[in-house]
Amino acid sequence: MPYYSSPSRDARRSPVLKAVLATMSLGAVLVACSASRETPVADATAGQCDASRADHLIGENYSGYVERQALAESGATEIRVLKPDDAATMDFNPRRLNLHVDPGLVIIKVACG
């Protein structure tokens, strides 16, 4: 029975395939290097509340629209509406905007926490 030896792996690869693999490898290295230089450093204050940017809403009637506007303008990621005599936790959350309203749902105070 004759012995059959398969061609070596390198002999089976065509020069075109070798060139494509080399180009893809080089491209992957270049992309990785350029991406690491261009990636911005994460902003440490992202999502932190700045109530001063929503102070102009004091005196406005509370509504869903005003709530979304306050959330977007303050940069906060959470919001809570506090009515008179509402119970509220005393924990401070730097990403939360508090809208204090009077009995008629008019905003009387804007604060973070």
Protein backbone atom coordinates (compact mmCIF):
# COMPACT_ATOMS: atom_id res chain seq x y z
CA MET A 1 0.00 0.00 0.00
CA PRO A 2 1.53 3.28 -1.04
CA TYR A 3 2.14 5.91 1.56
CA TYR A 4 0.29 9.13 0.87
CA SER A 5 1.60 12.30 2.42
CA SER A 6 -0.50 15.40 2.34
CA PRO A 7 1.07 18.62 1.26
CA SER A 8 2.30 20.79 4.08
CA ARG A 9 0.05 23.56 5.33
CA ASP A 10 2.27 26.28 3.87
CA ALA A 11 2.31 24.60 0.48
CA ARG A 12 -1.50 24.65 0.39
CA ARG A 13 -1.75 28.39 0.99
CA SER A 14 -1.69 30.51 -2.05
CA PRO A 15 0.45 33.65 -2.22
CA VAL A 16 -2.75 35.70 -2.49
CA LEU A 17 -4.12 34.26 0.73
CA LYS A 18 -0.83 35.00 2.49
CA ALA A 19 -0.95 38.61 1.26
CA VAL A 20 -4.57 39.04 2.41
CA LEU A 21 -3.81 37.63 5.86
CA ALA A 22 -0.75 39.84 6.23
CA THR A 23 -2.73 42.93 5.20
CA MET A 24 -5.56 42.12 7.60
CA SER A 25 -3.13 41.58 10.46
CA LEU A 26 -1.38 44.86 9.78
CA GLY A 27 -4.75 46.62 9.52
CA ALA A 28 -5.89 45.20 12.86
CA VAL A 29 -2.71 46.42 14.55
CA LEU A 30 -3.07 49.91 13.06
CA VAL A 31 -6.73 50.16 14.07
CA ALA A 32 -5.92 49.08 17.60
CA CYS A 33 -3.14 51.63 17.89
CA SER A 34 -5.15 54.52 16.47
CA ALA A 35 -8.21 53.67 18.56
CA SER A 36 -6.21 53.73 21.77
CA ARG A 37 -4.96 57.24 21.05
CA GLU A 38 -8.31 58.66 19.99
CA THR A 39 -10.47 57.17 22.73
CA PRO A 40 -11.54 60.02 25.00
CA VAL A 41 -11.12 59.69 28.73
CA ALA A 42 -14.47 59.13 30.40
CA ASP A 43 -15.84 62.30 31.94
CA ALA A 44 -15.90 61.85 35.71
CA THR A 45 -18.86 64.23 35.99
CA ALA A 46 -21.03 62.52 33.36
CA GLY A 47 -24.55 62.18 34.70
CA GLN A 48 -23.91 64.49 37.63
CA CYS A 49 -26.64 66.92 38.49
CA ASP A 50 -26.21 70.70 38.11
CA ALA A 51 -29.40 72.26 39.46
CA SER A 52 -28.34 75.79 38.49
CA ARG A 53 -28.95 74.91 34.84
CA ALA A 54 -32.63 74.18 35.62
CA ASP A 55 -33.27 77.07 38.07
CA HIS A 56 -35.23 78.94 35.41
CA LEU A 57 -38.02 76.38 35.86
CA ILE A 58 -38.89 77.73 39.31
CA GLY A 59 -42.40 79.14 39.07
CA GLU A 60 -43.39 76.82 36.21
CA ASN A 61 -46.29 74.38 36.55
CA TYR A 62 -45.02 70.83 36.89
CA SER A 63 -45.73 68.56 33.91
CA GLY A 64 -44.12 65.61 32.19
CA TYR A 65 -42.64 67.99 29.63
CA VAL A 66 -41.11 70.21 32.32
CA GLU A 67 -39.77 67.12 34.08
CA ARG A 68 -38.01 65.90 30.93
CA GLN A 69 -36.69 69.41 30.27
CA ALA A 70 -35.31 69.71 33.82
CA LEU A 71 -33.68 66.30 33.56
CA ALA A 72 -32.03 67.11 30.24
CA GLU A 73 -30.85 70.58 31.21
CA SER A 74 -29.49 69.61 34.63
CA GLY A 75 -27.48 66.67 33.29
CA ALA A 76 -28.94 64.40 35.97
CA THR A 77 -29.81 60.78 35.23
CA GLU A 78 -32.62 60.51 37.80
CA ILE A 79 -35.37 62.82 38.96
CA ARG A 80 -37.85 62.89 41.80
CA VAL A 81 -40.72 65.25 42.46
CA LEU A 82 -41.30 66.16 46.09
CA LYS A 83 -44.69 67.50 47.13
CA PRO A 84 -45.34 69.12 50.50
CA ASP A 85 -45.33 66.53 53.27
CA ASP A 86 -43.84 63.85 51.00
CA ALA A 87 -41.46 61.50 52.76
CA ALA A 88 -38.02 61.40 51.16
CA THR A 89 -34.87 59.47 51.91
CA MET A 90 -31.97 61.52 53.20
CA ASP A 91 -29.36 59.81 51.04
CA PHE A 92 -27.46 62.12 48.71
CA ASN A 93 -27.37 61.02 45.09
CA PRO A 94 -25.21 63.34 42.93
CA ARG A 95 -26.97 62.07 39.80
CA ARG A 96 -30.50 62.90 41.00
CA LEU A 97 -32.45 66.13 40.49
CA ASN A 98 -35.15 66.99 43.02
CA LEU A 99 -38.07 69.15 41.96
CA HIS A 100 -39.90 70.58 44.98
CA VAL A 101 -43.47 71.61 44.18
CA ASP A 102 -46.21 73.37 46.14
CA PRO A 103 -49.75 71.96 46.59
CA GLY A 104 -50.71 73.45 43.20
CA LEU A 105 -47.79 71.64 41.51
CA VAL A 106 -45.81 74.83 40.91
CA ILE A 107 -42.06 74.27 41.12
CA ILE A 108 -40.70 76.14 44.14
CA LYS A 109 -37.19 74.68 44.39
CA VAL A 110 -34.72 72.80 42.19
CA ALA A 111 -31.93 70.91 43.93
CA CYS A 112 -29.56 68.01 43.44
CA GLY A 113 -29.38 65.06 45.75
